[in-house]
Amino acid sequence: MSRAQLPLNALRAFEASARHLSFTRAAIELCVTQAAVSHQVKGLEQRLGASLFRRLPRGLALTDEGLALLPVLRDSFERMGEVLERFSGGRVMEVLSVGVVGTFAVGWLLPRLPAFREAHPFVDLRLFTNNNRIDIAGEGLDCAVRFGDGAWHGTEAVALFAAPMTPLCAPAVAERLREPGALSSEVLLRSYRADDWPDWFAAAGLAPPPIRGPVFDSSWVMVEAAMQGAGVALAPSMMFARDLEQGRLVRPFPLEVSAGRYWLTWLKSRAPTAALVAFRGWLEAESAER
């Protein structure tokens, strides 16, 4: 029998009846009469030449043939439903899974996301924050925003913007910092980039003191620790503009050092999708205007 000859309504009637093991409850779900559901299922059984249910005094029981057919239909209807739900404005929504450094996500991207959604409503954006160590293929991502020099094996990389670093701390700590040398008496919070503090002290014309503060794998968490008075963080001030404006965070010295840039990266082995092309174009435009 040709599969094209199987009526969709009959398949739906069977699937609903099999889930409920009741023609009556299936009819309520499908907004038709119980007789209509029973008729559809019976017609399907005749077409297949097999019984799908055993009719019991109270309810239904699936036959072996019904048990074989049910999971296939259930999966098919679920997949059709997922695709139909992705239609918006006459176009199917395209999922874009993006890995984002936590600091970039909170300090720059999130405030701008409404504008991206308005400009590109067909993109179903999924964000996954990370600490800059990421496996695009292994984590099932389409692209990732990273901080560094742009040289990651097997990836294309588009530069967004630099984010120079400067000391950041709580107001009470800043009161003790009259000149850069005073930092040698403070707890200096560290990231996984071991050269950040030595580079900053070198730019200030000072020998770096022993740096034994806690090590963080996220600048976002490190700066939060600084705001709570745990020490002085070295981080991109532009990513914490809101905290600086609100007075929760202080930038005691104007000196900055560059440790890299933010980049949008994706695998060379994958052709960019329409969603990725849209996201890249938007990121580049927003980065140019920041």
C-alpha atoms as a PDB file:
ATOM      1  CA  MET A   1       0.000   0.000   0.000  1.00  0.00           C
ATOM      2  CA  SER A   2       1.271   3.467  -0.872  1.00  0.00           C
ATOM      3  CA  ARG A   3       1.962   5.613   2.177  1.00  0.00           C
ATOM      4  CA  ALA A   4       0.315   8.519   0.352  1.00  0.00           C
ATOM      5  CA  GLN A   5      -2.983   6.655   0.613  1.00  0.00           C
ATOM      6  CA  LEU A   6      -2.983   6.737   4.411  1.00  0.00           C
ATOM      7  CA  PRO A   7      -5.190   9.630   5.566  1.00  0.00           C
ATOM      8  CA  LEU A   8      -3.568  12.007   8.064  1.00  0.00           C
ATOM      9  CA  ASN A   9      -6.777  12.401  10.075  1.00  0.00           C
ATOM     10  CA  ALA A  10      -6.970   8.656  10.595  1.00  0.00           C
ATOM     11  CA  LEU A  11      -3.363   8.516  11.751  1.00  0.00           C
ATOM     12  CA  ARG A  12      -3.981  11.374  14.185  1.00  0.00           C
ATOM     13  CA  ALA A  13      -7.127   9.650  15.469  1.00  0.00           C
ATOM     14  CA  PHE A  14      -5.183   6.456  16.089  1.00  0.00           C
ATOM     15  CA  GLU A  15      -2.298   8.261  17.818  1.00  0.00           C
ATOM     16  CA  ALA A  16      -4.626  10.157  20.171  1.00  0.00           C
ATOM     17  CA  SER A  17      -6.682   7.043  20.909  1.00  0.00           C
ATOM     18  CA  ALA A  18      -3.512   5.055  21.620  1.00  0.00           C
ATOM     19  CA  ARG A  19      -2.234   7.670  24.071  1.00  0.00           C
ATOM     20  CA  HIS A  20      -5.531   7.795  25.935  1.00  0.00           C
ATOM     21  CA  LEU A  21      -6.581   4.175  25.302  1.00  0.00           C
ATOM     22  CA  SER A  22     -10.017   5.678  24.780  1.00  0.00           C
ATOM     23  CA  PHE A  23     -11.940   6.839  21.715  1.00  0.00           C
ATOM     24  CA  THR A  24     -13.963   9.196  23.912  1.00  0.00           C
ATOM     25  CA  ARG A  25     -10.965  11.045  25.364  1.00  0.00           C
ATOM     26  CA  ALA A  26      -9.303  11.146  21.944  1.00  0.00           C
ATOM     27  CA  ALA A  27     -12.457  12.732  20.531  1.00  0.00           C
ATOM     28  CA  ILE A  28     -12.406  15.429  23.236  1.00  0.00           C
ATOM     29  CA  GLU A  29      -8.761  16.242  22.425  1.00  0.00           C
ATOM     30  CA  LEU A  30      -9.424  16.372  18.669  1.00  0.00           C
ATOM     31  CA  CYS A  31     -12.712  18.266  19.027  1.00  0.00           C
ATOM     32  CA  VAL A  32     -14.745  15.691  17.085  1.00  0.00           C
ATOM     33  CA  THR A  33     -17.297  13.084  18.037  1.00  0.00           C
ATOM     34  CA  GLN A  34     -16.447   9.693  19.505  1.00  0.00           C
ATOM     35  CA  ALA A  35     -18.112   8.051  16.521  1.00  0.00           C
ATOM     36  CA  ALA A  36     -15.871  10.010  14.123  1.00  0.00           C
ATOM     37  CA  VAL A  37     -12.704   8.847  15.903  1.00  0.00           C
ATOM     38  CA  SER A  38     -13.877   5.242  15.958  1.00  0.00           C
ATOM     39  CA  HIS A  39     -14.755   5.446  12.260  1.00  0.00           C
ATOM     40  CA  GLN A  40     -11.336   6.926  11.372  1.00  0.00           C
ATOM     41  CA  VAL A  41      -9.481   4.211  13.294  1.00  0.00           C
ATOM     42  CA  LYS A  42     -11.576   1.449  11.798  1.00  0.00           C
ATOM     43  CA  GLY A  43     -10.932   2.793   8.301  1.00  0.00           C
ATOM     44  CA  LEU A  44      -7.191   2.866   9.023  1.00  0.00           C
ATOM     45  CA  GLU A  45      -7.263  -0.733  10.219  1.00  0.00           C
ATOM     46  CA  GLN A  46      -9.041  -1.761   7.024  1.00  0.00           C
ATOM     47  CA  ARG A  47      -6.439   0.000   4.886  1.00  0.00           C
ATOM     48  CA  LEU A  48      -3.602  -1.654   6.800  1.00  0.00           C
ATOM     49  CA  GLY A  49      -5.295  -5.024   6.938  1.00  0.00           C
ATOM     50  CA  ALA A  50      -4.497  -5.311  10.643  1.00  0.00           C
ATOM     51  CA  SER A  51      -6.206  -4.619  13.961  1.00  0.00           C
ATOM     52  CA  LEU A  52      -4.540  -1.839  15.962  1.00  0.00           C
ATOM     53  CA  PHE A  53      -6.713  -2.140  19.081  1.00  0.00           C
ATOM     54  CA  ARG A  54      -8.451  -4.801  21.050  1.00  0.00           C
ATOM     55  CA  ARG A  55     -11.838  -3.377  22.031  1.00  0.00           C
ATOM     56  CA  LEU A  56     -12.423  -4.156  25.702  1.00  0.00           C
ATOM     57  CA  PRO A  57     -15.563  -3.680  27.806  1.00  0.00           C
ATOM     58  CA  ARG A  58     -13.811  -0.732  29.425  1.00  0.00           C
ATOM     59  CA  GLY A  59     -11.393   1.041  27.126  1.00  0.00           C
ATOM     60  CA  LEU A  60      -8.881  -0.147  24.571  1.00  0.00           C
ATOM     61  CA  ALA A  61      -5.679  -2.190  24.451  1.00  0.00           C
ATOM     62  CA  LEU A  62      -3.061  -1.941  21.746  1.00  0.00           C
ATOM     63  CA  THR A  63      -2.297  -4.972  19.612  1.00  0.00           C
ATOM     64  CA  ASP A  64       1.283  -5.782  18.610  1.00  0.00           C
ATOM     65  CA  GLU A  65       0.673  -3.924  15.361  1.00  0.00           C
ATOM     66  CA  GLY A  66      -0.622  -0.891  17.264  1.00  0.00           C
ATOM     67  CA  LEU A  67       2.373  -0.959  19.600  1.00  0.00           C
ATOM     68  CA  ALA A  68       4.705  -0.954  16.604  1.00  0.00           C
ATOM     69  CA  LEU A  69       2.947   1.965  14.912  1.00  0.00           C
ATOM     70  CA  LEU A  70       2.452   4.267  17.919  1.00  0.00           C
ATOM     71  CA  PRO A  71       6.047   5.420  18.632  1.00  0.00           C
ATOM     72  CA  VAL A  72       6.674   6.156  14.957  1.00  0.00           C
ATOM     73  CA  LEU A  73       3.557   8.305  14.699  1.00  0.00           C
ATOM     74  CA  ARG A  74       4.177  10.030  18.033  1.00  0.00           C
ATOM     75  CA  ASP A  75       7.683  11.029  16.976  1.00  0.00           C
ATOM     76  CA  SER A  76       6.488  12.204  13.559  1.00  0.00           C
ATOM     77  CA  PHE A  77       3.699  14.380  14.965  1.00  0.00           C
ATOM     78  CA  GLU A  78       6.049  15.874  17.556  1.00  0.00           C
ATOM     79  CA  ARG A  79       8.610  16.739  14.882  1.00  0.00           C
ATOM     80  CA  MET A  80       5.948  18.292  12.658  1.00  0.00           C
ATOM     81  CA  GLY A  81       4.707  20.313  15.627  1.00  0.00           C
ATOM     82  CA  GLU A  82       8.193  21.577  16.413  1.00  0.00           C
ATOM     83  CA  VAL A  83       8.701  22.778  12.842  1.00  0.00           C
ATOM     84  CA  LEU A  84       5.276  24.427  12.643  1.00  0.00           C
ATOM     85  CA  GLU A  85       5.913  26.264  15.919  1.00  0.00           C
ATOM     86  CA  ARG A  86       9.037  27.773  14.361  1.00  0.00           C
ATOM     87  CA  PHE A  87       7.033  29.646  11.713  1.00  0.00           C
ATOM     88  CA  SER A  88       6.818  33.359  12.349  1.00  0.00           C
ATOM     89  CA  GLY A  89       5.773  36.070   9.912  1.00  0.00           C
ATOM     90  CA  GLY A  90       5.558  33.606   7.035  1.00  0.00           C
ATOM     91  CA  ARG A  91       9.107  32.303   7.591  1.00  0.00           C
ATOM     92  CA  VAL A  92      10.475  29.394   9.544  1.00  0.00           C
ATOM     93  CA  MET A  93      12.500  30.334  12.628  1.00  0.00           C
ATOM     94  CA  GLU A  94      16.147  29.298  12.445  1.00  0.00           C
ATOM     95  CA  VAL A  95      17.869  28.238  15.661  1.00  0.00           C
ATOM     96  CA  LEU A  96      21.267  29.847  16.329  1.00  0.00           C
ATOM     97  CA  SER A  97      23.202  28.479  19.305  1.00  0.00           C
ATOM     98  CA  VAL A  98      25.857  30.925  20.472  1.00  0.00           C
ATOM     99  CA  GLY A  99      28.509  30.428  23.131  1.00  0.00           C
ATOM    100  CA  VAL A 100      29.347  33.735  24.823  1.00  0.00           C
ATOM    101  CA  VAL A 101      31.955  34.784  27.352  1.00  0.00           C
ATOM    102  CA  GLY A 102      29.959  35.642  30.487  1.00  0.00           C
ATOM    103  CA  THR A 103      31.439  39.125  30.849  1.00  0.00           C
ATOM    104  CA  PHE A 104      30.587  40.013  27.247  1.00  0.00           C
ATOM    105  CA  ALA A 105      27.080  38.576  27.598  1.00  0.00           C
ATOM    106  CA  VAL A 106      26.169  40.613  30.699  1.00  0.00           C
ATOM    107  CA  GLY A 107      28.180  43.753  30.029  1.00  0.00           C
ATOM    108  CA  TRP A 108      27.524  44.255  26.325  1.00  0.00           C
ATOM    109  CA  LEU A 109      25.235  41.784  24.580  1.00  0.00           C
ATOM    110  CA  LEU A 110      22.146  41.488  26.792  1.00  0.00           C
ATOM    111  CA  PRO A 111      21.176  45.192  26.660  1.00  0.00           C
ATOM    112  CA  ARG A 112      21.300  45.020  22.858  1.00  0.00           C
ATOM    113  CA  LEU A 113      19.385  41.777  22.308  1.00  0.00           C
ATOM    114  CA  PRO A 114      15.939  43.417  21.931  1.00  0.00           C
ATOM    115  CA  ALA A 115      17.300  45.342  18.950  1.00  0.00           C
ATOM    116  CA  PHE A 116      18.645  42.144  17.391  1.00  0.00           C
ATOM    117  CA  ARG A 117      15.326  40.321  17.829  1.00  0.00           C
ATOM    118  CA  GLU A 118      13.477  43.224  16.250  1.00  0.00           C
ATOM    119  CA  ALA A 119      15.863  43.346  13.293  1.00  0.00           C
ATOM    120  CA  HIS A 120      15.997  39.568  12.749  1.00  0.00           C
ATOM    121  CA  PRO A 121      12.793  37.939  14.023  1.00  0.00           C
ATOM    122  CA  PHE A 122      13.473  34.703  12.119  1.00  0.00           C
ATOM    123  CA  VAL A 123      16.480  33.888  14.370  1.00  0.00           C
ATOM    124  CA  ASP A 124      15.706  31.768  17.409  1.00  0.00           C
ATOM    125  CA  LEU A 125      18.748  32.737  19.478  1.00  0.00           C
ATOM    126  CA  ARG A 126      20.071  30.339  22.146  1.00  0.00           C
ATOM    127  CA  LEU A 127      22.825  31.721  24.422  1.00  0.00           C
ATOM    128  CA  PHE A 128      25.258  29.574  26.398  1.00  0.00           C
ATOM    129  CA  THR A 129      27.690  31.435  28.654  1.00  0.00           C
ATOM    130  CA  ASN A 130      31.218  30.181  29.240  1.00  0.00           C
ATOM    131  CA  ASN A 131      34.595  31.211  30.625  1.00  0.00           C
ATOM    132  CA  ASN A 132      36.265  31.596  27.200  1.00  0.00           C
ATOM    133  CA  ARG A 133      37.266  27.926  27.040  1.00  0.00           C
ATOM    134  CA  ILE A 134      34.849  26.354  24.622  1.00  0.00           C
ATOM    135  CA  ASP A 135      34.513  23.517  22.113  1.00  0.00           C
ATOM    136  CA  ILE A 136      32.159  24.731  19.379  1.00  0.00           C
ATOM    137  CA  ALA A 137      31.679  21.320  17.777  1.00  0.00           C
ATOM    138  CA  GLY A 138      31.613  19.326  21.009  1.00  0.00           C
ATOM    139  CA  GLU A 139      29.020  21.613  22.594  1.00  0.00           C
ATOM    140  CA  GLY A 140      26.792  21.729  19.509  1.00  0.00           C
ATOM    141  CA  LEU A 141      27.203  25.471  18.950  1.00  0.00           C
ATOM    142  CA  ASP A 142      26.926  27.405  15.707  1.00  0.00           C
ATOM    143  CA  CYS A 143      29.393  30.091  16.800  1.00  0.00           C
ATOM    144  CA  ALA A 144      31.051  31.615  19.851  1.00  0.00           C
ATOM    145  CA  VAL A 145      32.126  35.033  21.088  1.00  0.00           C
ATOM    146  CA  ARG A 146      35.615  34.735  22.590  1.00  0.00           C
ATOM    147  CA  PHE A 147      38.291  36.986  24.038  1.00  0.00           C
ATOM    148  CA  GLY A 148      41.872  36.672  22.838  1.00  0.00           C
ATOM    149  CA  ASP A 149      44.071  37.050  19.767  1.00  0.00           C
ATOM    150  CA  GLY A 150      41.718  35.486  17.215  1.00  0.00           C
ATOM    151  CA  ALA A 151      43.921  32.451  16.593  1.00  0.00           C
ATOM    152  CA  TRP A 152      41.856  29.368  17.399  1.00  0.00           C
ATOM    153  CA  HIS A 153      42.535  26.179  15.460  1.00  0.00           C
ATOM    154  CA  GLY A 154      39.970  25.272  12.819  1.00  0.00           C
ATOM    155  CA  THR A 155      37.890  28.421  13.206  1.00  0.00           C
ATOM    156  CA  GLU A 156      37.087  31.553  11.279  1.00  0.00           C
ATOM    157  CA  ALA A 157      37.307  34.678  13.429  1.00  0.00           C
ATOM    158  CA  VAL A 158      35.919  38.181  12.942  1.00  0.00           C
ATOM    159  CA  ALA A 159      37.239  40.912  15.237  1.00  0.00           C
ATOM    160  CA  LEU A 160      34.602  42.868  17.148  1.00  0.00           C
ATOM    161  CA  PHE A 161      36.433  45.312  19.425  1.00  0.00           C
ATOM    162  CA  ALA A 162      39.234  45.621  21.960  1.00  0.00           C
ATOM    163  CA  ALA A 163      38.468  45.680  25.668  1.00  0.00           C
ATOM    164  CA  PRO A 164      41.488  47.148  27.499  1.00  0.00           C
ATOM    165  CA  MET A 165      41.863  46.262  31.162  1.00  0.00           C
ATOM    166  CA  THR A 166      42.225  48.482  34.201  1.00  0.00           C
ATOM    167  CA  PRO A 167      42.067  47.990  37.992  1.00  0.00           C
ATOM    168  CA  LEU A 168      38.523  47.925  39.413  1.00  0.00           C
ATOM    169  CA  CYS A 169      37.536  47.776  43.061  1.00  0.00           C
ATOM    170  CA  ALA A 170      34.975  48.686  45.703  1.00  0.00           C
ATOM    171  CA  PRO A 171      34.751  52.355  46.817  1.00  0.00           C
ATOM    172  CA  ALA A 172      36.193  51.594  50.262  1.00  0.00           C
ATOM    173  CA  VAL A 173      39.243  49.960  48.685  1.00  0.00           C
ATOM    174  CA  ALA A 174      39.686  52.821  46.190  1.00  0.00           C
ATOM    175  CA  GLU A 175      40.077  55.290  49.064  1.00  0.00           C
ATOM    176  CA  ARG A 176      43.385  53.624  49.945  1.00  0.00           C
ATOM    177  CA  LEU A 177      44.759  53.783  46.407  1.00  0.00           C
ATOM    178  CA  ARG A 178      46.420  57.181  45.966  1.00  0.00           C
ATOM    179  CA  GLU A 179      48.938  55.979  43.387  1.00  0.00           C
ATOM    180  CA  PRO A 180      49.559  52.719  41.465  1.00  0.00           C
ATOM    181  CA  GLY A 181      52.255  51.556  43.835  1.00  0.00           C
ATOM    182  CA  ALA A 182      49.639  51.278  46.589  1.00  0.00           C
ATOM    183  CA  LEU A 183      48.265  48.207  44.825  1.00  0.00           C
ATOM    184  CA  SER A 184      51.185  46.199  46.236  1.00  0.00           C
ATOM    185  CA  SER A 185      49.430  46.303  49.625  1.00  0.00           C
ATOM    186  CA  GLU A 186      46.119  45.013  48.253  1.00  0.00           C
ATOM    187  CA  VAL A 187      44.804  41.580  47.340  1.00  0.00           C
ATOM    188  CA  LEU A 188      45.092  41.393  43.562  1.00  0.00           C
ATOM    189  CA  LEU A 189      42.416  39.125  42.109  1.00  0.00           C
ATOM    190  CA  ARG A 190      43.631  37.045  39.179  1.00  0.00           C
ATOM    191  CA  SER A 191      42.167  35.550  36.028  1.00  0.00           C
ATOM    192  CA  TYR A 192      43.472  32.488  34.185  1.00  0.00           C
ATOM    193  CA  ARG A 193      45.604  34.885  32.083  1.00  0.00           C
ATOM    194  CA  ALA A 194      48.728  35.011  34.239  1.00  0.00           C
ATOM    195  CA  ASP A 195      50.331  37.969  32.436  1.00  0.00           C
ATOM    196  CA  ASP A 196      47.538  40.504  32.961  1.00  0.00           C
ATOM    197  CA  TRP A 197      48.768  42.070  36.207  1.00  0.00           C
ATOM    198  CA  PRO A 198      52.495  41.995  35.265  1.00  0.00           C
ATOM    199  CA  ASP A 199      51.630  43.718  31.961  1.00  0.00           C
ATOM    200  CA  TRP A 200      49.665  46.429  33.748  1.00  0.00           C
ATOM    201  CA  PHE A 201      52.447  47.127  36.264  1.00  0.00           C
ATOM    202  CA  ALA A 202      54.976  47.236  33.414  1.00  0.00           C
ATOM    203  CA  ALA A 203      52.812  49.826  31.635  1.00  0.00           C
ATOM    204  CA  ALA A 204      52.755  51.816  34.895  1.00  0.00           C
ATOM    205  CA  GLY A 205      56.550  51.675  35.065  1.00  0.00           C
ATOM    206  CA  LEU A 206      56.556  49.482  38.158  1.00  0.00           C
ATOM    207  CA  ALA A 207      57.892  46.059  39.015  1.00  0.00           C
ATOM    208  CA  PRO A 208      54.962  43.741  39.747  1.00  0.00           C
ATOM    209  CA  PRO A 209      54.591  42.724  43.400  1.00  0.00           C
ATOM    210  CA  PRO A 210      54.000  39.058  44.323  1.00  0.00           C
ATOM    211  CA  ILE A 211      50.480  38.316  43.110  1.00  0.00           C
ATOM    212  CA  ARG A 212      48.844  35.694  45.280  1.00  0.00           C
ATOM    213  CA  GLY A 213      45.174  36.615  45.178  1.00  0.00           C
ATOM    214  CA  PRO A 214      42.433  34.127  44.297  1.00  0.00           C
ATOM    215  CA  VAL A 215      42.249  32.907  40.693  1.00  0.00           C
ATOM    216  CA  PHE A 216      38.918  33.138  38.833  1.00  0.00           C
ATOM    217  CA  ASP A 217      37.899  31.519  35.553  1.00  0.00           C
ATOM    218  CA  SER A 218      35.399  34.316  34.882  1.00  0.00           C
ATOM    219  CA  SER A 219      36.076  38.080  34.850  1.00  0.00           C
ATOM    220  CA  TRP A 220      32.417  38.613  35.651  1.00  0.00           C
ATOM    221  CA  VAL A 221      32.713  36.655  38.907  1.00  0.00           C
ATOM    222  CA  MET A 222      36.110  38.220  39.654  1.00  0.00           C
ATOM    223  CA  VAL A 223      34.732  41.747  39.421  1.00  0.00           C
ATOM    224  CA  GLU A 224      31.745  40.773  41.567  1.00  0.00           C
ATOM    225  CA  ALA A 225      34.261  39.661  44.208  1.00  0.00           C
ATOM    226  CA  ALA A 226      35.996  43.036  43.878  1.00  0.00           C
ATOM    227  CA  MET A 227      32.700  44.869  44.367  1.00  0.00           C
ATOM    228  CA  GLN A 228      32.236  42.920  47.587  1.00  0.00           C
ATOM    229  CA  GLY A 229      35.594  44.147  48.851  1.00  0.00           C
ATOM    230  CA  ALA A 230      37.588  40.940  48.314  1.00  0.00           C
ATOM    231  CA  GLY A 231      40.381  42.718  46.431  1.00  0.00           C
ATOM    232  CA  VAL A 232      41.214  44.567  43.234  1.00  0.00           C
ATOM    233  CA  ALA A 233      40.323  43.072  39.858  1.00  0.00           C
ATOM    234  CA  LEU A 234      41.944  43.771  36.504  1.00  0.00           C
ATOM    235  CA  ALA A 235      39.152  43.742  33.923  1.00  0.00           C
ATOM    236  CA  PRO A 236      37.668  45.678  30.974  1.00  0.00           C
ATOM    237  CA  SER A 237      35.915  48.676  32.495  1.00  0.00           C
ATOM    238  CA  MET A 238      33.600  49.051  29.482  1.00  0.00           C
ATOM    239  CA  MET A 239      31.904  45.779  30.450  1.00  0.00           C
ATOM    240  CA  PHE A 240      31.047  47.128  33.888  1.00  0.00           C
ATOM    241  CA  ALA A 241      29.856  50.622  32.941  1.00  0.00           C
ATOM    242  CA  ARG A 242      26.574  50.217  34.807  1.00  0.00           C
ATOM    243  CA  ASP A 243      28.299  49.292  38.076  1.00  0.00           C
ATOM    244  CA  LEU A 244      30.724  52.188  37.673  1.00  0.00           C
ATOM    245  CA  GLU A 245      27.863  54.623  37.042  1.00  0.00           C
ATOM    246  CA  GLN A 246      25.983  53.333  40.082  1.00  0.00           C
ATOM    247  CA  GLY A 247      29.035  53.714  42.319  1.00  0.00           C
ATOM    248  CA  ARG A 248      29.269  50.036  43.229  1.00  0.00           C
ATOM    249  CA  LEU A 249      32.594  49.863  41.427  1.00  0.00           C
ATOM    250  CA  VAL A 250      35.448  52.360  41.146  1.00  0.00           C
ATOM    251  CA  ARG A 251      38.208  52.736  38.578  1.00  0.00           C
ATOM    252  CA  PRO A 252      41.055  54.195  40.685  1.00  0.00           C
ATOM    253  CA  PHE A 253      43.556  54.781  37.835  1.00  0.00           C
ATOM    254  CA  PRO A 254      43.094  55.716  34.159  1.00  0.00           C
ATOM    255  CA  LEU A 255      45.891  53.454  32.897  1.00  0.00           C
ATOM    256  CA  GLU A 256      44.712  50.564  30.682  1.00  0.00           C
ATOM    257  CA  VAL A 257      46.487  47.644  29.038  1.00  0.00           C
ATOM    258  CA  SER A 258      45.283  45.607  26.076  1.00  0.00           C
ATOM    259  CA  ALA A 259      45.150  41.833  26.512  1.00  0.00           C
ATOM    260  CA  GLY A 260      43.187  41.025  23.373  1.00  0.00           C
ATOM    261  CA  ARG A 261      39.908  41.592  21.572  1.00  0.00           C
ATOM    262  CA  TYR A 262      36.464  40.048  21.442  1.00  0.00           C
ATOM    263  CA  TRP A 263      35.917  37.890  18.371  1.00  0.00           C
ATOM    264  CA  LEU A 264      33.013  36.078  16.758  1.00  0.00           C
ATOM    265  CA  THR A 265      34.236  32.605  15.787  1.00  0.00           C
ATOM    266  CA  TRP A 266      32.758  29.623  13.965  1.00  0.00           C
ATOM    267  CA  LEU A 267      34.088  26.395  12.477  1.00  0.00           C
ATOM    268  CA  LYS A 268      35.774  26.553   9.071  1.00  0.00           C
ATOM    269  CA  SER A 269      34.254  23.156   8.289  1.00  0.00           C
ATOM    270  CA  ARG A 270      30.681  24.480   8.419  1.00  0.00           C
ATOM    271  CA  ALA A 271      29.108  26.858   5.933  1.00  0.00           C
ATOM    272  CA  PRO A 272      27.524  29.819   7.747  1.00  0.00           C
ATOM    273  CA  THR A 273      23.734  29.616   7.982  1.00  0.00           C
ATOM    274  CA  ALA A 274      21.430  32.537   7.247  1.00  0.00           C
ATOM    275  CA  ALA A 275      21.014  33.044  11.004  1.00  0.00           C
ATOM    276  CA  LEU A 276      24.780  33.171  11.553  1.00  0.00           C
ATOM    277  CA  VAL A 277      25.236  35.603   8.666  1.00  0.00           C
ATOM    278  CA  ALA A 278      22.553  37.858  10.193  1.00  0.00           C
ATOM    279  CA  PHE A 279      24.094  37.654  13.671  1.00  0.00           C
ATOM    280  CA  ARG A 280      27.579  38.378  12.352  1.00  0.00           C
ATOM    281  CA  GLY A 281      26.420  41.402  10.373  1.00  0.00           C
ATOM    282  CA  TRP A 282      24.512  42.770  13.345  1.00  0.00           C
ATOM    283  CA  LEU A 283      27.439  42.238  15.743  1.00  0.00           C
ATOM    284  CA  GLU A 284      29.851  44.000  13.398  1.00  0.00           C
ATOM    285  CA  ALA A 285      27.493  46.948  12.945  1.00  0.00           C
ATOM    286  CA  GLU A 286      26.852  47.275  16.674  1.00  0.00           C
ATOM    287  CA  SER A 287      30.560  46.965  17.461  1.00  0.00           C
ATOM    288  CA  ALA A 288      31.377  49.789  15.040  1.00  0.00           C
ATOM    289  CA  GLU A 289      28.829  52.080  16.713  1.00  0.00           C
ATOM    290  CA  ARG A 290      29.639  51.345  20.344  1.00  0.00           C
END
